[in-house]
C-alpha atoms as a PDB file:
ATOM      1  CA  MET A   1     116.363  89.834  87.634  1.00  0.00           C
ATOM      2  CA  LEU A   2     114.511  93.144  88.534  1.00  0.00           C
ATOM      3  CA  TYR A   3     117.533  95.529  87.749  1.00  0.00           C
ATOM      4  CA  ASP A   4     120.228  96.239  85.022  1.00  0.00           C
ATOM      5  CA  ARG A   5     122.691  97.099  87.607  1.00  0.00           C
ATOM      6  CA  LEU A   6     123.494  97.362  91.371  1.00  0.00           C
ATOM      7  CA  VAL A   7     125.297 100.087  93.102  1.00  0.00           C
ATOM      8  CA  ILE A   8     127.124  98.639  95.873  1.00  0.00           C
ATOM      9  CA  PRO A   9     129.757 100.189  98.240  1.00  0.00           C
ATOM     10  CA  ILE A  10     133.043  98.179  98.928  1.00  0.00           C
ATOM     11  CA  PRO A  11     135.994  98.536 101.372  1.00  0.00           C
ATOM     12  CA  PRO A  12     138.722 100.452  99.462  1.00  0.00           C
ATOM     13  CA  ASP A  13     141.795  98.267  98.337  1.00  0.00           C
ATOM     14  CA  GLY A  14     144.670  98.504 100.552  1.00  0.00           C
ATOM     15  CA  ASP A  15     142.803 100.105 103.570  1.00  0.00           C
ATOM     16  CA  ASN A  16     143.105  97.571 106.179  1.00  0.00           C
ATOM     17  CA  GLU A  17     141.671  99.838 108.721  1.00  0.00           C
ATOM     18  CA  GLU A  18     138.307  99.868 106.852  1.00  0.00           C
ATOM     19  CA  GLN A  19     138.616  96.203 105.885  1.00  0.00           C
ATOM     20  CA  THR A  20     138.933  95.660 109.763  1.00  0.00           C
ATOM     21  CA  ARG A  21     136.133  97.881 110.604  1.00  0.00           C
ATOM     22  CA  TRP A  22     133.885  95.881 107.947  1.00  0.00           C
ATOM     23  CA  VAL A  23     134.737  92.611 109.595  1.00  0.00           C
ATOM     24  CA  GLN A  24     134.014  94.011 112.990  1.00  0.00           C
ATOM     25  CA  ARG A  25     130.562  95.096 111.871  1.00  0.00           C
ATOM     26  CA  GLY A  26     129.832  91.653 110.321  1.00  0.00           C
ATOM     27  CA  TRP A  27     129.718  92.823 106.873  1.00  0.00           C
ATOM     28  CA  ASP A  28     132.127  89.890 105.570  1.00  0.00           C
ATOM     29  CA  PRO A  29     134.088  91.620 102.792  1.00  0.00           C
ATOM     30  CA  SER A  30     135.272  88.449 101.686  1.00  0.00           C
ATOM     31  CA  LYS A  31     132.021  86.943 101.097  1.00  0.00           C
ATOM     32  CA  GLN A  32     130.885  90.178  99.503  1.00  0.00           C
ATOM     33  CA  LYS A  33     134.026  89.977  96.849  1.00  0.00           C
ATOM     34  CA  LYS A  34     133.000  86.343  95.912  1.00  0.00           C
ATOM     35  CA  LEU A  35     129.563  87.453  95.454  1.00  0.00           C
ATOM     36  CA  LEU A  36     130.690  90.614  93.335  1.00  0.00           C
ATOM     37  CA  ASP A  37     132.971  88.438  91.042  1.00  0.00           C
ATOM     38  CA  ILE A  38     129.933  86.432  90.335  1.00  0.00           C
ATOM     39  CA  LEU A  39     127.940  89.568  89.417  1.00  0.00           C
ATOM     40  CA  GLY A  40     130.637  91.029  87.223  1.00  0.00           C
ATOM     41  CA  ASP A  41     129.441  94.010  85.344  1.00  0.00           C
ATOM     42  CA  ARG A  42     126.304  93.629  86.864  1.00  0.00           C
ATOM     43  CA  ALA A  43     127.489  95.303  89.886  1.00  0.00           C
ATOM     44  CA  TYR A  44     128.639  98.902  90.052  1.00  0.00           C
ATOM     45  CA  GLU A  45     131.275  99.048  92.814  1.00  0.00           C
ATOM     46  CA  VAL A  46     131.881 102.274  94.897  1.00  0.00           C
ATOM     47  CA  PRO A  47     134.796 102.143  97.334  1.00  0.00           C
ATOM     48  CA  TRP A  48     133.401 103.690 100.522  1.00  0.00           C
ATOM     49  CA  THR A  49     136.429 105.944 100.897  1.00  0.00           C
ATOM     50  CA  THR A  50     137.374 108.263 103.832  1.00  0.00           C
ATOM     51  CA  GLU A  51     136.294 111.236 101.393  1.00  0.00           C
ATOM     52  CA  ARG A  52     132.939 109.642 100.706  1.00  0.00           C
ATOM     53  CA  GLN A  53     132.494 109.011 104.589  1.00  0.00           C
ATOM     54  CA  GLU A  54     133.366 112.684 105.325  1.00  0.00           C
ATOM     55  CA  LYS A  55     130.855 113.748 102.673  1.00  0.00           C
ATOM     56  CA  TRP A  56     128.161 111.707 104.411  1.00  0.00           C
ATOM     57  CA  ARG A  57     129.188 112.751 107.974  1.00  0.00           C
ATOM     58  CA  THR A  58     129.036 116.414 106.605  1.00  0.00           C
ATOM     59  CA  ARG A  59     125.465 115.795 105.102  1.00  0.00           C
ATOM     60  CA  PHE A  60     124.088 113.995 108.183  1.00  0.00           C
ATOM     61  CA  GLU A  61     125.196 116.667 110.568  1.00  0.00           C
ATOM     62  CA  ALA A  62     123.532 119.206 108.493  1.00  0.00           C
ATOM     63  CA  GLY A  63     120.272 117.712 108.668  1.00  0.00           C
ATOM     64  CA  THR A  64     117.555 118.588 111.282  1.00  0.00           C
ATOM     65  CA  ASP A  65     116.994 116.808 114.595  1.00  0.00           C
ATOM     66  CA  PHE A  66     113.618 115.776 113.145  1.00  0.00           C
ATOM     67  CA  GLN A  67     115.528 114.185 110.072  1.00  0.00           C
ATOM     68  CA  LYS A  68     117.991 112.388 112.116  1.00  0.00           C
ATOM     69  CA  GLU A  69     115.384 111.007 114.311  1.00  0.00           C
ATOM     70  CA  SER A  70     113.392 109.486 111.403  1.00  0.00           C
ATOM     71  CA  GLY A  71     115.442 106.390 111.393  1.00  0.00           C
ATOM     72  CA  ASP A  72     116.422 106.018 107.986  1.00  0.00           C
ATOM     73  CA  TYR A  73     118.018 109.619 107.254  1.00  0.00           C
ATOM     74  CA  ALA A  74     121.573 107.950 107.728  1.00  0.00           C
ATOM     75  CA  PHE A  75     120.637 105.499 104.890  1.00  0.00           C
ATOM     76  CA  GLU A  76     119.249 108.122 102.729  1.00  0.00           C
ATOM     77  CA  GLN A  77     122.660 110.212 102.964  1.00  0.00           C
ATOM     78  CA  THR A  78     124.546 106.840 102.123  1.00  0.00           C
ATOM     79  CA  ARG A  79     122.351 106.381  98.907  1.00  0.00           C
ATOM     80  CA  ASN A  80     123.157 110.086  97.888  1.00  0.00           C
ATOM     81  CA  VAL A  81     126.655 109.657  98.171  1.00  0.00           C
ATOM     82  CA  LEU A  82     126.919 106.274  96.588  1.00  0.00           C
ATOM     83  CA  THR A  83     125.053 107.697  93.499  1.00  0.00           C
ATOM     84  CA  GLU A  84     127.033 110.699  92.909  1.00  0.00           C
ATOM     85  CA  GLY A  85     129.165 110.694  90.131  1.00  0.00           C
ATOM     86  CA  LEU A  86     127.624 107.445  88.199  1.00  0.00           C
ATOM     87  CA  PRO A  87     128.219 107.588  84.494  1.00  0.00           C
ATOM     88  CA  ARG A  88     125.582 109.625  82.460  1.00  0.00           C
ATOM     89  CA  TYR A  89     124.362 106.646  80.529  1.00  0.00           C
ATOM     90  CA  ILE A  90     122.910 105.299  84.034  1.00  0.00           C
ATOM     91  CA  THR A  91     119.448 106.662  84.283  1.00  0.00           C
ATOM     92  CA  GLY A  92     116.307 105.589  86.178  1.00  0.00           C
ATOM     93  CA  ILE A  93     118.245 105.185  89.509  1.00  0.00           C
ATOM     94  CA  GLN A  94     115.745 102.963  92.006  1.00  0.00           C
ATOM     95  CA  ALA A  95     116.185 102.989  95.726  1.00  0.00           C
ATOM     96  CA  VAL A  96     115.170  99.649  96.955  1.00  0.00           C
ATOM     97  CA  THR A  97     113.855  98.925 100.369  1.00  0.00           C
ATOM     98  CA  ASN A  98     113.111  95.483 102.051  1.00  0.00           C
ATOM     99  CA  TYR A  99     110.634  95.356 104.698  1.00  0.00           C
ATOM    100  CA  ASN A 100     109.807  92.342 106.927  1.00  0.00           C
ATOM    101  CA  SER A 101     106.502  93.327 108.219  1.00  0.00           C
ATOM    102  CA  ILE A 102     103.467  95.578 107.326  1.00  0.00           C
ATOM    103  CA  THR A 103     104.094  97.546 110.528  1.00  0.00           C
ATOM    104  CA  ASP A 104     107.558  98.387 109.491  1.00  0.00           C
ATOM    105  CA  VAL A 105     105.986  99.749 106.118  1.00  0.00           C
ATOM    106  CA  MET A 106     103.377 102.049 107.761  1.00  0.00           C
ATOM    107  CA  LYS A 107     105.912 103.326 110.506  1.00  0.00           C
ATOM    108  CA  ASP A 108     108.766 103.942 108.126  1.00  0.00           C
ATOM    109  CA  LEU A 109     106.751 105.681 105.202  1.00  0.00           C
ATOM    110  CA  LYS A 110     104.396 107.291 107.731  1.00  0.00           C
ATOM    111  CA  LEU A 111     101.539 105.748 105.877  1.00  0.00           C
ATOM    112  CA  SER A 112      97.903 106.395 107.418  1.00  0.00           C
ATOM    113  CA  GLU A 113      94.497 105.182 106.108  1.00  0.00           C
ATOM    114  CA  GLN A 114      92.110 107.704 104.435  1.00  0.00           C
ATOM    115  CA  SER A 115      88.241 107.695 104.244  1.00  0.00           C
ATOM    116  CA  ASP A 116      86.231 106.832 101.244  1.00  0.00           C
ATOM    117  CA  SER A 117      85.267 110.297 100.511  1.00  0.00           C
ATOM    118  CA  PRO A 118      85.899 111.168  96.586  1.00  0.00           C
ATOM    119  CA  LEU A 119      88.839 112.768  95.847  1.00  0.00           C
ATOM    120  CA  SER A 120      89.291 115.928  93.377  1.00  0.00           C
ATOM    121  CA  TYR A 121      92.731 116.860  92.522  1.00  0.00           C
ATOM    122  CA  GLY A 122      96.155 117.149  93.996  1.00  0.00           C
ATOM    123  CA  THR A 123      99.041 114.785  94.924  1.00  0.00           C
ATOM    124  CA  VAL A 124      97.825 111.248  96.374  1.00  0.00           C
ATOM    125  CA  ILE A 125      99.682 107.842  97.200  1.00  0.00           C
ATOM    126  CA  ALA A 126      99.739 105.163  94.592  1.00  0.00           C
ATOM    127  CA  ILE A 127     100.717 101.469  95.612  1.00  0.00           C
ATOM    128  CA  LEU A 128     101.751  99.438  92.554  1.00  0.00           C
ATOM    129  CA  GLY A 129     102.227  95.651  92.935  1.00  0.00           C
ATOM    130  CA  HIS A 130     103.172  92.927  90.307  1.00  0.00           C
ATOM    131  CA  GLU A 131     104.108  89.536  90.092  1.00  0.00           C
ATOM    132  CA  PHE A 132     107.750  88.440  88.922  1.00  0.00           C
ATOM    133  CA  LEU A 133     109.218  84.969  88.281  1.00  0.00           C
ATOM    134  CA  VAL A 134     112.528  83.910  89.654  1.00  0.00           C
ATOM    135  CA  PRO A 135     114.514  80.641  88.890  1.00  0.00           C
ATOM    136  CA  TYR A 136     113.516  77.834  91.419  1.00  0.00           C
ATOM    137  CA  TYR A 137     116.248  75.034  91.794  1.00  0.00           C
ATOM    138  CA  PRO A 138     116.362  74.242  95.664  1.00  0.00           C
ATOM    139  CA  LYS A 139     119.186  71.904  95.219  1.00  0.00           C
ATOM    140  CA  MET A 140     121.556  74.805  93.730  1.00  0.00           C
ATOM    141  CA  SER A 141     123.898  76.625  95.804  1.00  0.00           C
ATOM    142  CA  HIS A 142     123.242  80.313  96.364  1.00  0.00           C
ATOM    143  CA  GLU A 143     126.248  80.907  94.151  1.00  0.00           C
ATOM    144  CA  ASP A 144     125.027  78.678  91.388  1.00  0.00           C
ATOM    145  CA  LEU A 145     121.546  79.957  91.451  1.00  0.00           C
ATOM    146  CA  LEU A 146     122.831  83.658  91.253  1.00  0.00           C
ATOM    147  CA  LYS A 147     125.107  82.809  88.326  1.00  0.00           C
ATOM    148  CA  PHE A 148     121.957  81.311  86.556  1.00  0.00           C
ATOM    149  CA  ALA A 149     119.908  84.177  87.378  1.00  0.00           C
ATOM    150  CA  ILE A 150     122.477  86.703  86.125  1.00  0.00           C
ATOM    151  CA  GLU A 151     122.993  84.665  82.980  1.00  0.00           C
ATOM    152  CA  LEU A 152     119.046  84.435  82.235  1.00  0.00           C
ATOM    153  CA  SER A 153     118.381  88.107  83.031  1.00  0.00           C
ATOM    154  CA  SER A 154     121.401  89.373  80.763  1.00  0.00           C
ATOM    155  CA  GLU A 155     120.004  87.888  77.623  1.00  0.00           C
ATOM    156  CA  PRO A 156     119.367  90.698  75.185  1.00  0.00           C
ATOM    157  CA  ILE A 157     115.652  89.750  74.786  1.00  0.00           C
ATOM    158  CA  TYR A 158     115.092  89.778  78.579  1.00  0.00           C
ATOM    159  CA  LYS A 159     116.984  93.179  78.950  1.00  0.00           C
ATOM    160  CA  HIS A 160     114.796  94.694  76.411  1.00  0.00           C
ATOM    161  CA  LYS A 161     111.546  93.374  78.012  1.00  0.00           C
ATOM    162  CA  ARG A 162     112.872  94.707  81.356  1.00  0.00           C
ATOM    163  CA  THR A 163     113.549  98.149  80.252  1.00  0.00           C
ATOM    164  CA  SER A 164     110.247  98.363  78.735  1.00  0.00           C
ATOM    165  CA  PHE A 165     108.466  97.329  81.841  1.00  0.00           C
ATOM    166  CA  TRP A 166     110.292  99.710  84.134  1.00  0.00           C
ATOM    167  CA  ARG A 167     109.813 102.734  81.509  1.00  0.00           C
ATOM    168  CA  CYS A 168     105.855 101.872  81.808  1.00  0.00           C
ATOM    169  CA  GLN A 169     105.972 102.130  85.527  1.00  0.00           C
ATOM    170  CA  ARG A 170     108.066 105.378  85.533  1.00  0.00           C
ATOM    171  CA  GLU A 171     105.498 106.862  83.146  1.00  0.00           C
ATOM    172  CA  PHE A 172     102.702 106.107  85.572  1.00  0.00           C
ATOM    173  CA  PHE A 173     104.440 107.608  88.593  1.00  0.00           C
ATOM    174  CA  ASN A 174     105.513 110.846  86.472  1.00  0.00           C
ATOM    175  CA  ASP A 175     101.915 111.418  85.070  1.00  0.00           C
ATOM    176  CA  LYS A 176     100.790 114.943  85.444  1.00  0.00           C
ATOM    177  CA  GLY A 177      97.123 114.415  85.849  1.00  0.00           C
ATOM    178  CA  ILE A 178      95.311 111.238  86.001  1.00  0.00           C
ATOM    179  CA  THR A 179      91.683 112.030  85.400  1.00  0.00           C
ATOM    180  CA  ASP A 180      89.788 108.806  85.742  1.00  0.00           C
ATOM    181  CA  LEU A 181      89.766 104.920  86.377  1.00  0.00           C
ATOM    182  CA  THR A 182      90.079 104.455  82.848  1.00  0.00           C
ATOM    183  CA  ALA A 183      93.516 105.865  82.999  1.00  0.00           C
ATOM    184  CA  ILE A 184      94.576 103.652  85.766  1.00  0.00           C
ATOM    185  CA  GLU A 185      93.448 100.620  84.278  1.00  0.00           C
ATOM    186  CA  TYR A 186      95.236 101.459  81.007  1.00  0.00           C
ATOM    187  CA  ALA A 187      98.552 101.675  82.983  1.00  0.00           C
ATOM    188  CA  VAL A 188      97.908  98.473  85.143  1.00  0.00           C
ATOM    189  CA  ASN A 189      96.864  96.706  81.503  1.00  0.00           C
ATOM    190  CA  GLU A 190     100.289  98.024  79.974  1.00  0.00           C
ATOM    191  CA  ILE A 191     102.311  96.699  82.911  1.00  0.00           C
ATOM    192  CA  GLN A 192     100.315  93.432  82.741  1.00  0.00           C
ATOM    193  CA  THR A 193     100.988  93.128  78.883  1.00  0.00           C
ATOM    194  CA  HIS A 194     104.958  93.423  79.750  1.00  0.00           C
ATOM    195  CA  LEU A 195     104.569  90.707  82.437  1.00  0.00           C
ATOM    196  CA  GLU A 196     102.984  88.371  80.390  1.00  0.00           C
ATOM    197  CA  GLU A 197     105.792  88.888  77.689  1.00  0.00           C
ATOM    198  CA  GLU A 198     108.355  88.026  80.455  1.00  0.00           C
ATOM    199  CA  LYS A 199     106.590  84.973  81.478  1.00  0.00           C
ATOM    200  CA  GLU A 200     106.158  83.662  77.896  1.00  0.00           C
ATOM    201  CA  TYR A 201     109.961  84.198  77.443  1.00  0.00           C
ATOM    202  CA  LEU A 202     110.674  82.002  80.604  1.00  0.00           C
ATOM    203  CA  LYS A 203     108.320  79.490  79.506  1.00  0.00           C
ATOM    204  CA  LYS A 204     110.052  78.911  76.142  1.00  0.00           C
ATOM    205  CA  LYS A 205     113.561  78.709  78.033  1.00  0.00           C
ATOM    206  CA  LYS A 206     111.876  75.967  79.853  1.00  0.00           C
ATOM    207  CA  ILE A 207     112.924  77.101  83.252  1.00  0.00           C
ATOM    208  CA  LYS A 208     111.700  76.039  86.560  1.00  0.00           C
ATOM    209  CA  THR A 209     110.418  79.373  88.394  1.00  0.00           C
ATOM    210  CA  GLY A 210     109.093  80.256  91.856  1.00  0.00           C
ATOM    211  CA  LEU A 211     106.389  83.279  92.285  1.00  0.00           C
ATOM    212  CA  LYS A 212     107.383  86.614  94.099  1.00  0.00           C
ATOM    213  CA  TYR A 213     105.841  89.858  94.324  1.00  0.00           C
ATOM    214  CA  VAL A 214     107.191  93.499  94.268  1.00  0.00           C
ATOM    215  CA  PHE A 215     105.449  96.676  95.495  1.00  0.00           C
ATOM    216  CA  LEU A 216     106.156 100.189  94.536  1.00  0.00           C
ATOM    217  CA  ILE A 217     105.041 103.216  96.464  1.00  0.00           C
ATOM    218  CA  GLY A 218     105.090 106.712  95.127  1.00  0.00           C
ATOM    219  CA  ALA A 219     103.165 110.047  94.551  1.00  0.00           C
ATOM    220  CA  ILE A 220     100.914 110.721  91.369  1.00  0.00           C
ATOM    221  CA  THR A 221      98.919 113.718  90.616  1.00  0.00           C
ATOM    222  CA  LEU A 222      95.017 113.549  90.065  1.00  0.00           C
ATOM    223  CA  GLY A 223      93.348 116.135  87.874  1.00  0.00           C
ATOM    224  CA  LEU A 224      89.537 116.665  88.764  1.00  0.00           C
ATOM    225  CA  PHE A 225      89.021 113.076  89.881  1.00  0.00           C
ATOM    226  CA  GLY A 226      85.683 112.096  90.819  1.00  0.00           C
ATOM    227  CA  GLY A 227      84.431 109.386  92.822  1.00  0.00           C
ATOM    228  CA  PRO A 228      86.002 107.022  95.441  1.00  0.00           C
ATOM    229  CA  LEU A 229      88.867 104.758  94.278  1.00  0.00           C
ATOM    230  CA  THR A 230      88.984 101.320  94.531  1.00  0.00           C
ATOM    231  CA  PRO A 231      91.993  98.952  93.804  1.00  0.00           C
ATOM    232  CA  VAL A 232      92.510  98.039  90.158  1.00  0.00           C
ATOM    233  CA  GLY A 233      93.608  94.647  89.216  1.00  0.00           C
ATOM    234  CA  ILE A 234      94.254  92.937  85.734  1.00  0.00           C
ATOM    235  CA  GLY A 235      95.828  89.501  86.084  1.00  0.00           C
ATOM    236  CA  SER A 236      99.147  89.711  88.005  1.00  0.00           C
ATOM    237  CA  ALA A 237      99.356  93.464  88.285  1.00  0.00           C
ATOM    238  CA  PHE A 238      97.221  95.695  90.460  1.00  0.00           C
ATOM    239  CA  ILE A 239      97.223  99.410  91.708  1.00  0.00           C
ATOM    240  CA  SER A 240      95.534 101.168  94.752  1.00  0.00           C
ATOM    241  CA  VAL A 241      95.450 105.085  94.443  1.00  0.00           C
ATOM    242  CA  GLY A 242      94.420 107.530  96.921  1.00  0.00           C
ATOM    243  CA  GLN A 243      93.383 105.194  99.981  1.00  0.00           C
ATOM    244  CA  PHE A 244      96.559 106.197 101.997  1.00  0.00           C
ATOM    245  CA  ALA A 245      98.375 109.331 102.837  1.00  0.00           C
ATOM    246  CA  THR A 246     102.039 109.856 104.065  1.00  0.00           C
ATOM    247  CA  GLU A 247     104.010 112.679 105.590  1.00  0.00           C
ATOM    248  CA  ARG A 248     106.993 111.399 103.775  1.00  0.00           C
ATOM    249  CA  LEU A 249     106.345 110.264 100.126  1.00  0.00           C
ATOM    250  CA  LEU A 250     104.794 113.586  98.859  1.00  0.00           C
ATOM    251  CA  ASN A 251     108.388 115.036  99.123  1.00  0.00           C
ATOM    252  CA  GLU A 252     110.108 112.095  97.368  1.00  0.00           C
ATOM    253  CA  PRO A 253     109.644 111.695  93.730  1.00  0.00           C
ATOM    254  CA  GLU A 254     111.257 108.247  93.352  1.00  0.00           C
ATOM    255  CA  PRO A 255     109.129 105.320  94.042  1.00  0.00           C
ATOM    256  CA  ILE A 256     110.129 102.940  96.956  1.00  0.00           C
ATOM    257  CA  SER A 257     110.245  99.056  96.071  1.00  0.00           C
ATOM    258  CA  LEU A 258     108.904  96.858  98.700  1.00  0.00           C
ATOM    259  CA  LEU A 259     109.760  93.263  98.506  1.00  0.00           C
ATOM    260  CA  HIS A 260     107.218  91.885 100.679  1.00  0.00           C
ATOM    261  CA  ASP A 261     103.652  90.341 100.798  1.00  0.00           C
ATOM    262  CA  ILE A 262     101.392  93.318 101.560  1.00  0.00           C
ATOM    263  CA  ARG A 263      98.908  92.229  99.005  1.00  0.00           C
ATOM    264  CA  ARG A 264      95.967  91.395 101.488  1.00  0.00           C
ATOM    265  CA  TYR A 265      96.521  94.477 103.404  1.00  0.00           C
ATOM    266  CA  PHE A 266      95.893  97.083 100.533  1.00  0.00           C
ATOM    267  CA  GLY A 267      92.927  95.456  99.261  1.00  0.00           C
ATOM    268  CA  TRP A 268      94.269  93.346  96.368  1.00  0.00           C
ATOM    269  CA  GLU A 269      93.140  89.916  97.843  1.00  0.00           C
ATOM    270  CA  ALA A 270      90.149  89.659  95.897  1.00  0.00           C
ATOM    271  CA  LEU A 271      92.205  90.892  92.541  1.00  0.00           C
ATOM    272  CA  VAL A 272      94.605  88.182  92.189  1.00  0.00           C
ATOM    273  CA  TYR A 273      93.067  84.999  91.018  1.00  0.00           C
ATOM    274  CA  LYS A 274      93.912  81.243  91.714  1.00  0.00           C
ATOM    275  CA  VAL A 275      96.305  82.057  94.432  1.00  0.00           C
ATOM    276  CA  LYS A 276      95.476  79.192  97.103  1.00  0.00           C
ATOM    277  CA  LYS A 277      98.397  79.982  99.402  1.00  0.00           C
ATOM    278  CA  LYS A 278      99.918  82.843 100.926  1.00  0.00           C
ATOM    279  CA  ILE A 279     102.557  84.680  98.680  1.00  0.00           C
ATOM    280  CA  SER A 280     104.990  84.600 101.620  1.00  0.00           C
ATOM    281  CA  LYS A 281     105.214  81.024 101.094  1.00  0.00           C
ATOM    282  CA  PHE A 282     107.519  80.440  98.127  1.00  0.00           C
ATOM    283  CA  LYS A 283     105.460  78.513  95.558  1.00  0.00           C
ATOM    284  CA  PRO A 284     107.265  76.761  92.774  1.00  0.00           C
ATOM    285  CA  ARG A 285     105.971  77.051  89.393  1.00  0.00           C
ATOM    286  CA  LYS A 286     106.906  74.830  86.351  1.00  0.00           C
END
């Protein structure tokens, strides 16, 4: 629903040794093949060949001891190898991470809370969150629900709205100098507009949906920004800027997606109205 295409590693055809290794690691290549058949051209398959594994090993061993101890350096190099050689028409590559607890988020991203002192200028952390709706039919099998989601999110109108939505988010994180709260509010308002367009489209299709949240963390530049920053929310989109610092993200220009309920932790509890239950509890919506 969120992405145009997924880059997925697969065991090479005819490589029985690699197939066996995948089975022993519990990766279930036969189930993967079944799901990939459903995804069709929404999946970009990359055979995890011996050559790619050697390239990964070379890059991993070239890393510093500090990088190797960070826990996810191996995954970073896997991502880099997988995305090499993608067709030129594939742009806006997004690394996606799924966290199960706020403790894992803080530890992995090395986030730390900052004081409320006014910010002047420089690179700061921005955390952007927004709602998105997914088909909700509890009696459907996972395979049938996946087919339904692919069919819906592949329609030209939906694809156009999704593209506009991601362009808006990329522009926010690539901004070269946000100078006041008005600029942040404008970004939130534009994101909210795209969200409402998507919701209206789903409503017209009379599809039963459930509510989820997505969070992106990235670095933005403040230019002579004065005064303490507070979370900004308009409807179902919200942003926190500058309340957190990190040792890691300032060196990584691409945002990282978080599929997790961190709304309350980052100060957005009062910004989302008419929410009576925790987001982590899946709420069906007609």
